[in-house]
C-alpha cells in the first residue's frame, strides 16, 4: 500500500525542491569554506542532515490522510499556541531574542511550525463557516485566529516571522472569496499604523478609507467598527515605535536610507547589493566570490544566501533560482485549484503563500527593496527549523495533489 502511495508522488514538485536544497548546500559550503573555524567550515554537513530529516518528514506527512489534518487542525493550533507561550518563559535566548528550544545540540524554532498549525484551522474554518464573509464578527474571528500566534511571535521578538501570518491570512481570505476591496479594509489598520507617522499621510489615508467604505456600502456597524479600529491603530503609532527594539528601528530607518549608517545598520544591505551587482550576468564563478571569500557580507549562509548566489552565478543564476520558486508556487496554486476538497484547497493556498512570501521578502531584502527581517529563503538558507518546515509543506502539498479527487 505504501509503495502504491509513493507512486502517486509528483516527481516534478519533489525534484524542484531537491534542486533548491542542493543549491542551498552548495552556497552554504561556498559561504563558509574559507572560515578558520572548523565548526563553521562544516555547517554544510549539518544542512545535509537537516535535508535528510526533511525528506523523512516529507514522506511521513505525505502518507498521512488529509482527513487527519482536518480533524486535528484545532489540536495542532492549541499545541502551537501553548508552545509559543512556553518559549517566552523557558526558551533559549540568542542575540537578544527568545525563539528556540535546544534538543540534543540542535535548536528548534517552534514559530516555524506554528505557521502550518495556523493554516490548518483557518482552512477548516473558512471551509465550513456558515457566517457571511461580509460580517464584521466573522472577519474579526478569522483575524483573531491569525493575530494570536503573530503577537506571541512578535513578543519573542521576531517581526519577520510574524508578518508571514498576515500573508497567510490575506491569501486564504482571497481564495475563500473575500473581494479585494474588503481585503484592503482588513489590512487597513496596519496601513493606518504606518501612515500615522505623519499627520498629512494619515489624513489622506482616512479620506481614501471613507471613499472605499462609500463605494462598498457595508452595514453601518461594519463601517463604524473599521473606522474606530483604524483610528485606534493610528493613535498607538508612537507607542508601537517606542516598543520596538533598537535594532528593529534601525532596520526600518536604514531601509529608507541605507547610506545613513554605512558602517553600522546599513552595512548588510550595502554589502549585499555590492555582492549581487559585482556578479554581473554570469557571475564570478563558484567559490570565487570576493565578498563571500573575504567575509564582507554578514549572515551570508542564512539571511543573505541569495547574495552569494548573485555574486558567484550572476543574474542568470538568480533568474534560474526564482524560476524554480515560481514553479513551486504556481504548482501549489494549481493543486489548490484542482482539488475537490475545500479544506485541502485552502490548505494548499496557505502553504504556497508561506513559500511565496518568504521568498519575496528574503530576495527583496538582499536587493535593498525590502527591510531586513531575518526571514530565511525556503529550502536554501541554512537552518534546521526552516528546512523541516519547507519539506513538511511539500509533503502536505504532495498529499493533496495525489488525493485531489477526494471530497
Protein backbone atom coordinates (compact mmCIF):
# COMPACT_ATOMS: atom_id res chain seq x y z
CA UNK A 1 0.00 0.00 0.00
CA UNK A 2 2.81 2.39 0.92
CA UNK A 3 4.60 1.54 -2.34
CA UNK A 4 1.44 2.36 -4.29
CA UNK A 5 1.05 5.63 -2.43
CA UNK A 6 4.59 6.74 -3.30
CA UNK A 7 3.91 6.01 -6.98
CA UNK A 8 1.44 8.92 -6.85
CA UNK A 9 4.16 11.42 -5.90
CA UNK A 10 4.53 14.36 -8.29
CA UNK A 11 8.18 13.92 -9.23
CA UNK A 12 8.46 17.41 -10.77
CA UNK A 13 7.46 19.05 -7.49
CA UNK A 14 9.76 16.81 -5.47
CA UNK A 15 12.61 17.29 -7.94
CA UNK A 16 12.46 21.10 -7.84
CA UNK A 17 12.52 21.07 -4.03
CA UNK A 18 15.56 18.76 -4.08
CA UNK A 19 17.36 21.01 -6.57
CA UNK A 20 16.71 24.05 -4.37
CA UNK A 21 18.01 22.20 -1.32
CA UNK A 22 21.18 21.10 -3.13
CA UNK A 23 21.74 24.66 -4.36
CA UNK A 24 21.49 25.72 -0.73
CA UNK A 25 24.16 23.21 0.33
CA UNK A 26 26.48 24.47 -2.43
CA UNK A 27 26.00 28.10 -1.40
CA UNK A 28 26.46 27.36 2.31
CA UNK A 29 29.68 25.47 1.55
CA UNK A 30 30.89 28.40 -0.55
CA UNK A 31 29.99 30.91 2.16
CA UNK A 32 31.98 29.13 4.88
CA UNK A 33 34.71 27.06 3.23
CA UNK A 34 37.31 29.82 3.83
CA UNK A 35 36.48 30.09 7.53
CA UNK A 36 39.22 29.36 10.04
CA UNK A 37 36.63 27.94 12.43
CA UNK A 38 36.28 24.16 11.78
CA UNK A 39 32.70 24.16 13.12
CA UNK A 40 31.66 26.89 10.67
CA UNK A 41 33.51 25.19 7.84
CA UNK A 42 31.46 22.01 8.36
CA UNK A 43 27.99 23.52 8.72
CA UNK A 44 27.09 22.34 5.24
CA UNK A 45 27.17 18.80 6.68
CA UNK A 46 24.57 19.85 9.25
CA UNK A 47 22.47 21.22 6.42
CA UNK A 48 22.65 17.88 4.60
CA UNK A 49 21.47 16.14 7.79
CA UNK A 50 18.54 18.57 8.01
CA UNK A 51 17.66 17.85 4.37
CA UNK A 52 17.62 14.11 5.07
CA UNK A 53 15.43 14.68 8.12
CA UNK A 54 13.25 16.94 5.99
CA UNK A 55 12.84 14.23 3.35
CA UNK A 56 11.76 11.80 6.06
CA UNK A 57 9.25 14.34 7.40
CA UNK A 58 8.02 14.91 3.85
CA UNK A 59 7.43 11.19 3.35
CA UNK A 60 5.59 10.89 6.66
CA UNK A 61 3.31 13.88 6.02
CA UNK A 62 2.61 12.57 2.52
CA UNK A 63 1.35 9.24 3.90
CA UNK A 64 -0.98 10.84 6.48
CA UNK A 65 -4.58 11.15 5.17
CA UNK A 66 -5.82 14.69 4.54
CA UNK A 67 -8.79 13.95 6.81
CA UNK A 68 -6.36 13.58 9.74
CA UNK A 69 -5.08 17.15 9.28
CA UNK A 70 -8.67 18.38 9.14
CA UNK A 71 -9.89 16.54 12.24
CA UNK A 72 -6.91 17.52 14.41
CA UNK A 73 -6.39 21.04 12.99
CA UNK A 74 -7.58 22.83 16.14
CA UNK A 75 -5.49 20.48 18.31
CA UNK A 76 -2.37 21.42 16.31
CA UNK A 77 -3.27 25.09 16.73
CA UNK A 78 -3.71 24.75 20.51
CA UNK A 79 -0.39 22.92 20.87
CA UNK A 80 1.33 25.64 18.80
CA UNK A 81 -0.10 28.41 20.99
CA UNK A 82 0.92 26.63 24.21
CA UNK A 83 4.42 26.08 22.80
CA UNK A 84 4.78 29.75 21.81
CA UNK A 85 3.77 30.78 25.34
CA UNK A 86 6.26 28.34 26.89
CA UNK A 87 9.03 29.62 24.62
CA UNK A 88 8.68 33.08 26.17
CA UNK A 89 9.24 31.53 29.62
CA UNK A 90 11.77 28.72 29.13
CA UNK A 91 13.13 29.14 25.59
CA UNK A 92 16.80 29.54 24.66
CA UNK A 93 17.93 33.11 24.03
CA UNK A 94 20.32 34.25 21.34
CA UNK A 95 21.19 37.80 20.22
CA UNK A 96 18.52 39.25 22.50
CA UNK A 97 15.71 37.03 21.18
CA UNK A 98 13.98 34.04 22.80
CA UNK A 99 12.87 31.83 19.90
CA UNK A 100 14.42 28.38 20.28
CA UNK A 101 14.21 25.08 22.13
CA UNK A 102 17.52 23.21 22.39
CA UNK A 103 17.23 19.49 21.63
CA UNK A 104 20.40 17.38 21.55
CA UNK A 105 22.64 20.16 20.29
CA UNK A 106 20.11 21.35 17.71
CA UNK A 107 17.99 24.48 18.08
CA UNK A 108 14.33 24.07 17.07
CA UNK A 109 12.27 27.19 16.34
CA UNK A 110 8.58 26.42 17.14
CA UNK A 111 7.37 29.59 15.39
CA UNK A 112 8.21 27.95 12.07
CA UNK A 113 5.77 25.09 12.69
CA UNK A 114 3.17 27.49 14.09
CA UNK A 115 2.72 28.67 10.50
CA UNK A 116 1.32 25.30 9.42
CA UNK A 117 -0.58 24.94 12.71
CA UNK A 118 -2.37 28.21 11.85
CA UNK A 119 -3.05 27.36 8.20
CA UNK A 120 -4.89 24.13 9.10
CA UNK A 121 -7.62 25.51 11.45
CA UNK A 122 -8.02 28.63 9.32
CA UNK A 123 -8.59 26.40 6.26
CA UNK A 124 -11.18 24.40 8.16
CA UNK A 125 -12.96 27.50 9.47
CA UNK A 126 -13.11 29.08 6.01
CA UNK A 127 -14.37 25.82 4.51
CA UNK A 128 -17.25 25.20 6.92
CA UNK A 129 -18.20 28.53 8.48
CA UNK A 130 -21.78 29.46 7.58
CA UNK A 131 -21.49 33.15 8.51
CA UNK A 132 -21.36 35.72 5.70
CA UNK A 133 -17.89 36.84 4.66
CA UNK A 134 -19.19 40.42 4.91
CA UNK A 135 -19.86 40.03 8.64
CA UNK A 136 -17.60 42.11 10.87
CA UNK A 137 -17.79 39.43 13.58
CA UNK A 138 -16.78 36.74 11.07
CA UNK A 139 -13.78 38.75 9.87
CA UNK A 140 -12.79 39.57 13.46
CA UNK A 141 -12.84 35.85 14.34
CA UNK A 142 -10.68 34.94 11.34
CA UNK A 143 -8.25 37.77 12.05
CA UNK A 144 -8.06 36.82 15.73
CA UNK A 145 -7.10 33.25 14.85
CA UNK A 146 -4.06 34.59 12.98
CA UNK A 147 -3.32 37.55 15.25
CA UNK A 148 -2.80 35.45 18.41
CA UNK A 149 0.25 33.46 17.21
CA UNK A 150 1.56 36.50 15.33
CA UNK A 151 1.58 38.60 18.52
CA UNK A 152 3.22 35.82 20.55
CA UNK A 153 5.97 35.56 17.93
CA UNK A 154 6.33 39.34 17.81
CA UNK A 155 6.93 39.21 21.57
CA UNK A 156 10.00 36.95 21.09
CA UNK A 157 10.77 39.33 19.20
CA UNK A 158 10.57 38.09 15.59
CA UNK A 159 8.95 40.70 13.36
CA UNK A 160 9.74 38.88 10.11
CA UNK A 161 8.07 35.60 11.06
CA UNK A 162 5.01 37.39 12.47
CA UNK A 163 4.49 39.08 9.09
CA UNK A 164 4.18 35.66 7.42
CA UNK A 165 0.91 35.11 9.30
CA UNK A 166 -0.64 38.17 7.70
CA UNK A 167 0.39 36.87 4.26
CA UNK A 168 -1.37 33.60 5.16
CA UNK A 169 -4.49 35.48 6.24
CA UNK A 170 -4.77 37.67 3.13
CA UNK A 171 -4.08 34.85 0.64
CA UNK A 172 -6.55 32.43 2.24
CA UNK A 173 -9.29 35.04 2.58
CA UNK A 174 -8.86 35.96 -1.08
CA UNK A 175 -9.09 32.27 -2.04
CA UNK A 176 -12.20 31.91 0.12
CA UNK A 177 -13.93 34.58 -1.96
CA UNK A 178 -13.46 37.76 0.04
CA UNK A 179 -13.40 40.64 -2.50
CA UNK A 180 -10.20 42.61 -2.99
CA UNK A 181 -11.76 45.80 -1.62
CA UNK A 182 -12.60 44.03 1.62
CA UNK A 183 -9.07 42.67 1.84
CA UNK A 184 -7.85 46.26 1.67
CA UNK A 185 -10.14 47.05 4.58
CA UNK A 186 -8.69 44.15 6.55
CA UNK A 187 -5.10 45.34 6.17
CA UNK A 188 -6.13 48.98 6.65
CA UNK A 189 -5.25 49.05 10.40
CA UNK A 190 -1.64 48.20 9.54
CA UNK A 191 -1.64 50.90 6.86
CA UNK A 192 -3.11 53.33 9.39
CA UNK A 193 -0.29 52.48 11.79
CA UNK A 194 2.30 53.26 9.11
CA UNK A 195 0.63 56.39 7.73
CA UNK A 196 0.21 57.88 11.21
CA UNK A 197 3.91 58.73 11.31
CA UNK A 198 2.88 61.96 9.55
CA UNK A 199 -0.46 63.74 10.00
CA UNK A 200 -0.81 64.54 6.28
CA UNK A 201 -0.38 60.93 5.13
CA UNK A 202 -2.77 59.80 7.88
CA UNK A 203 -5.43 62.33 6.79
CA UNK A 204 -5.08 61.22 3.17
CA UNK A 205 -5.34 57.58 4.24
CA UNK A 206 -8.58 58.24 6.14
CA UNK A 207 -10.03 60.06 3.14
CA UNK A 208 -9.31 57.04 0.92
CA UNK A 209 -10.75 54.72 3.59
CA UNK A 210 -14.00 56.69 3.78
CA UNK A 211 -14.33 56.73 -0.03
CA UNK A 212 -13.73 52.97 -0.07
CA UNK A 213 -16.49 52.42 2.51
CA UNK A 214 -18.85 54.61 0.48
CA UNK A 215 -18.01 52.56 -2.61
CA UNK A 216 -18.60 49.20 -0.86
CA UNK A 217 -21.66 50.27 1.16
CA UNK A 218 -21.27 47.77 4.03
CA UNK A 219 -23.50 47.86 7.11
CA UNK A 220 -23.35 50.84 9.46
CA UNK A 221 -21.83 48.77 12.29
CA UNK A 222 -19.22 47.35 9.90
CA UNK A 223 -18.22 50.86 8.73
CA UNK A 224 -18.07 52.39 12.22
CA UNK A 225 -16.12 49.39 13.51
CA UNK A 226 -13.43 49.71 10.85
CA UNK A 227 -13.12 53.49 11.23
CA UNK A 228 -12.71 53.18 15.00
CA UNK A 229 -10.22 50.34 14.58
CA UNK A 230 -8.10 52.37 12.15
CA UNK A 231 -8.29 55.41 14.42
CA UNK A 232 -7.08 53.31 17.35
CA UNK A 233 -4.18 51.85 15.38
CA UNK A 234 -3.13 55.29 14.21
CA UNK A 235 -3.19 56.70 17.73
CA UNK A 236 -0.92 53.97 19.11
CA UNK A 237 1.78 54.53 16.46
CA UNK A 238 4.12 56.38 18.89
CA UNK A 239 3.65 53.60 21.45
CA UNK A 240 4.45 50.88 18.89
CA UNK A 241 7.57 52.75 17.73
CA UNK A 242 8.82 53.12 21.30
CA UNK A 243 8.19 49.42 21.96
CA UNK A 244 10.36 48.37 19.00
CA UNK A 245 13.87 47.20 19.82
CA UNK A 246 16.69 49.48 18.74
CA UNK A 247 17.82 47.07 16.01
CA UNK A 248 14.27 46.95 14.61
CA UNK A 249 14.11 50.76 14.47
CA UNK A 250 17.50 50.82 12.76
CA UNK A 251 16.34 48.30 10.15
CA UNK A 252 13.36 50.48 9.24
CA UNK A 253 15.44 53.67 9.12
CA UNK A 254 18.22 52.02 7.10
CA UNK A 255 15.70 50.52 4.65
CA UNK A 256 14.55 54.06 3.87
CA UNK A 257 18.14 55.36 3.69
CA UNK A 258 20.92 52.70 3.64
CA UNK A 259 23.61 55.38 3.38
CA UNK A 260 22.61 56.86 6.73
CA UNK A 261 24.73 54.33 8.66
CA UNK A 262 27.02 52.61 6.12
CA UNK A 263 29.34 51.12 8.74
CA UNK A 264 26.56 50.04 11.09
CA UNK A 265 22.95 49.09 10.42
CA UNK A 266 23.22 49.84 6.68
CA UNK A 267 26.32 47.70 6.21
CA UNK A 268 24.49 44.45 5.38
CA UNK A 269 22.28 45.96 2.69
CA UNK A 270 25.15 47.88 1.07
CA UNK A 271 27.46 44.83 1.00
CA UNK A 272 24.65 42.62 -0.29
CA UNK A 273 23.96 44.97 -3.20
CA UNK A 274 27.69 45.18 -3.94
CA UNK A 275 27.96 41.37 -3.97
CA UNK A 276 24.96 40.87 -6.27
CA UNK A 277 25.93 43.75 -8.57
CA UNK A 278 29.54 42.55 -8.89
CA UNK A 279 28.31 39.18 -10.17
CA UNK A 280 27.17 40.68 -13.45
CA UNK A 281 25.30 38.45 -15.87
CA UNK A 282 27.17 35.15 -15.43
CA UNK A 283 28.84 35.65 -12.04
CA UNK A 284 32.43 35.29 -10.86
CA UNK A 285 32.28 31.50 -10.66
CA UNK A 286 31.65 29.01 -7.89
CA UNK A 287 33.85 29.62 -4.80
CA UNK A 288 35.25 32.75 -6.47
CA UNK A 289 33.09 35.42 -4.85
CA UNK A 290 35.31 38.07 -3.25
CA UNK A 291 32.59 39.48 -0.98
CA UNK A 292 31.91 35.93 0.19
CA UNK A 293 35.54 34.83 0.40
CA UNK A 294 36.65 37.87 2.41
CA UNK A 295 33.55 37.71 4.67
CA UNK A 296 32.49 41.29 3.90
CA UNK A 297 28.86 40.18 3.96
CA UNK A 298 27.45 39.11 7.36
CA UNK A 299 24.98 36.22 7.65
CA UNK A 300 25.79 35.11 4.10
CA UNK A 301 24.81 31.47 4.76
CA UNK A 302 21.44 32.32 6.31
CA UNK A 303 19.53 35.54 5.60
CA UNK A 304 21.77 36.68 2.72
CA UNK A 305 22.41 33.40 0.93
CA UNK A 306 20.88 34.86 -2.25
CA UNK A 307 23.71 37.42 -2.28
CA UNK A 308 26.24 34.56 -2.50
CA UNK A 309 24.29 33.15 -5.45
CA UNK A 310 24.17 36.56 -7.17
CA UNK A 311 27.91 37.12 -6.82
CA UNK A 312 29.03 33.67 -7.93
CA UNK A 313 26.36 32.84 -10.54
CA UNK A 314 25.23 36.32 -11.56
CA UNK A 315 21.91 37.39 -12.99
CA UNK A 316 21.50 34.04 -14.77
CA UNK A 317 21.79 32.11 -11.50
CA UNK A 318 19.33 34.44 -9.79
CA UNK A 319 16.78 34.06 -12.60
CA UNK A 320 17.07 30.26 -12.50
CA UNK A 321 16.53 30.21 -8.72
CA UNK A 322 13.49 32.49 -8.98
CA UNK A 323 12.13 30.34 -11.81
CA UNK A 324 12.35 27.26 -9.58
CA UNK A 325 10.46 29.05 -6.81
CA UNK A 326 7.89 30.31 -9.30
CA UNK A 327 7.30 26.73 -10.42
CA UNK A 328 6.70 25.65 -6.80
CA UNK A 329 4.26 28.48 -6.13
CA UNK A 330 2.31 28.05 -9.39
CA UNK A 331 2.18 24.30 -8.80
CA UNK A 332 0.76 24.92 -5.32
CA UNK A 333 -1.95 27.19 -6.76
CA UNK A 334 -2.82 24.62 -9.44
CA UNK A 335 -3.10 21.92 -6.78
CA UNK A 336 -5.45 24.16 -4.79
CA UNK A 337 -7.47 24.81 -7.93
CA UNK A 338 -8.00 21.19 -8.95
CA UNK A 339 -8.67 19.56 -5.58
CA UNK A 340 -12.34 18.90 -4.84
CA UNK A 341 -11.99 19.21 -1.05
CA UNK A 342 -12.47 22.83 0.07
CA UNK A 343 -10.40 22.34 3.21
CA UNK A 344 -7.49 20.85 1.23
CA UNK A 345 -7.75 23.62 -1.35
CA UNK A 346 -7.48 26.29 1.36
CA UNK A 347 -4.52 24.49 2.93
CA UNK A 348 -2.67 24.35 -0.40
CA UNK A 349 -3.10 28.10 -0.87
CA UNK A 350 -1.97 28.90 2.67
CA UNK A 351 1.15 26.73 2.37
CA UNK A 352 2.00 28.17 -1.05
CA UNK A 353 1.66 31.66 0.44
CA UNK A 354 4.27 30.81 3.10
CA UNK A 355 6.81 29.76 0.45
CA UNK A 356 6.00 32.68 -1.85
CA UNK A 357 6.01 35.39 0.82
CA UNK A 358 9.27 34.26 2.41
CA UNK A 359 10.95 34.02 -0.98
CA UNK A 360 9.78 37.51 -1.94
CA UNK A 361 10.87 39.11 1.35
CA UNK A 362 14.23 37.31 1.52
CA UNK A 363 15.25 38.11 -2.05
CA UNK A 364 13.84 41.63 -1.71
CA UNK A 365 15.91 42.43 1.36
CA UNK A 366 19.14 41.26 -0.32
CA UNK A 367 18.36 43.66 -3.16
CA UNK A 368 17.53 46.50 -0.76
CA UNK A 369 13.88 46.80 -1.81
CA UNK A 370 12.55 45.20 1.41
CA UNK A 371 13.50 45.81 5.06
CA UNK A 372 15.86 43.28 6.65
CA UNK A 373 13.55 40.95 8.58
CA UNK A 374 15.59 37.78 9.08
CA UNK A 375 13.25 35.54 7.08
CA UNK A 376 15.12 32.56 5.58
CA UNK A 377 14.92 31.55 1.93
CA UNK A 378 12.91 28.27 1.91
CA UNK A 379 14.92 25.12 1.07
CA UNK A 380 18.06 27.23 0.55
CA UNK A 381 19.06 29.16 3.69
CA UNK A 382 20.94 27.41 6.48
CA UNK A 383 18.68 26.40 9.35
CA UNK A 384 17.06 23.21 10.61
CA UNK A 385 13.62 24.50 11.54
CA UNK A 386 13.23 26.32 8.23
CA UNK A 387 14.34 23.24 6.28
CA UNK A 388 11.96 20.94 8.15
CA UNK A 389 9.09 23.39 7.64
CA UNK A 390 9.78 23.59 3.90
CA UNK A 391 9.75 19.81 3.49
CA UNK A 392 6.65 19.33 5.64
CA UNK A 393 4.89 21.90 3.47
CA UNK A 394 5.97 19.97 0.39
CA UNK A 395 4.78 16.68 1.89
CA UNK A 396 1.30 18.08 2.53
CA UNK A 397 1.13 19.60 -0.97
CA UNK A 398 2.14 16.25 -2.47
CA UNK A 399 -0.54 14.51 -0.38
CA UNK A 400 -3.24 16.94 -1.53
CA UNK A 401 -2.09 16.59 -5.14
CA UNK A 402 -2.25 12.78 -5.02
CA UNK A 403 -5.76 12.78 -3.47
CA UNK A 404 -7.26 15.74 -5.30
CA UNK A 405 -10.36 13.71 -6.23
CA UNK A 406 -11.37 13.10 -2.57
CA UNK A 407 -14.18 15.19 -1.08
